[in-house]
Protein backbone atom coordinates (compact mmCIF):
# COMPACT_ATOMS: atom_id res chain seq x y z
CA UNK A 1 -4.42 -49.25 39.66
CA UNK A 2 -4.79 -52.68 42.51
CA UNK A 3 -7.40 -54.63 40.88
CA UNK A 4 -9.47 -57.29 42.26
CA UNK A 5 -8.55 -61.26 43.05
CA UNK A 6 -10.13 -63.40 40.45
CA UNK A 7 -13.23 -65.68 42.77
CA UNK A 8 -13.34 -69.24 41.51
CA UNK A 9 -16.28 -69.43 39.85
CA UNK A 10 -19.14 -72.50 38.20
CA UNK A 11 -19.63 -72.42 34.48
CA UNK A 12 -23.49 -73.20 32.83
CA UNK A 13 -23.28 -77.48 31.82
CA UNK A 14 -25.24 -76.97 29.00
CA UNK A 15 -24.25 -76.16 24.79
CA UNK A 16 -20.51 -77.22 25.29
CA UNK A 17 -19.93 -75.45 28.96
CA UNK A 18 -19.44 -72.22 29.01
CA UNK A 19 -15.24 -71.98 30.34
CA UNK A 20 -14.65 -69.82 27.81
CA UNK A 21 -17.31 -66.66 28.78
CA UNK A 22 -16.31 -67.75 31.82
CA UNK A 23 -12.94 -66.94 32.05
CA UNK A 24 -12.90 -63.63 29.45
CA UNK A 25 -16.60 -62.33 32.54
CA UNK A 26 -14.10 -63.88 35.52
CA UNK A 27 -11.15 -61.53 33.99
CA UNK A 28 -12.85 -58.52 33.07
CA UNK A 29 -14.65 -58.72 37.09
CA UNK A 30 -11.13 -58.27 38.26
CA UNK A 31 -11.32 -54.74 36.75
CA UNK A 32 -14.71 -53.59 37.42
CA UNK A 33 -16.49 -54.40 34.21
CA UNK A 34 -18.89 -57.11 34.60
CA UNK A 35 -20.24 -58.95 31.17
CA UNK A 36 -22.67 -61.49 30.70
CA UNK A 37 -21.78 -64.93 29.12
CA UNK A 38 -24.10 -64.50 27.12
CA UNK A 39 -22.90 -60.99 25.80
CA UNK A 40 -19.27 -62.49 25.14
CA UNK A 41 -20.84 -65.38 22.82
CA UNK A 42 -22.74 -62.78 21.25
CA UNK A 43 -19.54 -61.33 20.63
CA UNK A 44 -18.34 -64.36 19.71
CA UNK A 45 -17.54 -65.41 15.66
CA UNK A 46 -17.93 -68.93 14.24
CA UNK A 47 -14.81 -70.64 15.50
CA UNK A 48 -14.31 -73.35 13.92
CA UNK A 49 -16.30 -75.65 15.26
CA UNK A 50 -17.80 -76.05 19.17
CA UNK A 51 -20.78 -75.07 19.79
CA UNK A 52 -23.80 -72.21 19.53
CA UNK A 53 -25.48 -70.33 16.29
CA UNK A 54 -26.05 -66.77 14.70
CA UNK A 55 -28.79 -66.21 17.80
CA UNK A 56 -27.22 -67.93 20.99
CA UNK A 57 -23.68 -67.01 20.40
CA UNK A 58 -20.86 -69.34 19.85
CA UNK A 59 -18.95 -70.87 21.86
CA UNK A 60 -15.25 -69.30 22.71
CA UNK A 61 -12.08 -71.82 21.10
CA UNK A 62 -8.51 -70.73 20.61
CA UNK A 63 -9.85 -69.57 16.66
CA UNK A 64 -11.99 -67.08 17.85
CA UNK A 65 -10.32 -65.90 21.45
CA UNK A 66 -8.46 -62.69 19.72
CA UNK A 67 -11.21 -60.99 17.81
CA UNK A 68 -13.35 -61.81 21.02
CA UNK A 69 -11.48 -60.02 22.58
CA UNK A 70 -11.20 -57.45 20.09
CA UNK A 71 -15.58 -57.07 19.55
CA UNK A 72 -15.82 -57.05 23.86
CA UNK A 73 -12.90 -54.01 23.76
CA UNK A 74 -10.86 -55.97 26.02
CA UNK A 75 -6.97 -54.94 26.26
CA UNK A 76 -5.03 -58.04 25.38
CA UNK A 77 -2.39 -59.37 24.66
CA UNK A 78 -2.86 -62.55 22.89
CA UNK A 79 0.33 -65.61 24.10
CA UNK A 80 1.98 -67.34 20.82
CA UNK A 81 0.83 -70.74 21.79
CA UNK A 82 4.11 -72.79 20.15
CA UNK A 83 6.20 -71.26 22.13
CA UNK A 84 6.66 -73.05 26.06
CA UNK A 85 3.97 -71.79 28.78
CA UNK A 86 5.25 -68.85 30.92
């Protein structure tokens, strides 16, 4: 399947930024799935820090991104962070 190129976007700059939810949104768009940053954050569990609450959702962090992607039903492979970058 041919997919689109990830297009750079502007992130919201309030409430801790939205770089994690923006990144997930952008990558999903390359596969034809539009997911709002609001929906991403509302599928994100508390990650032991960052911004957010139960009503508005939480900031996507290394501690909760795997659960967020699972909650969004997105097929993914987590990068083993102790390894050198690919």
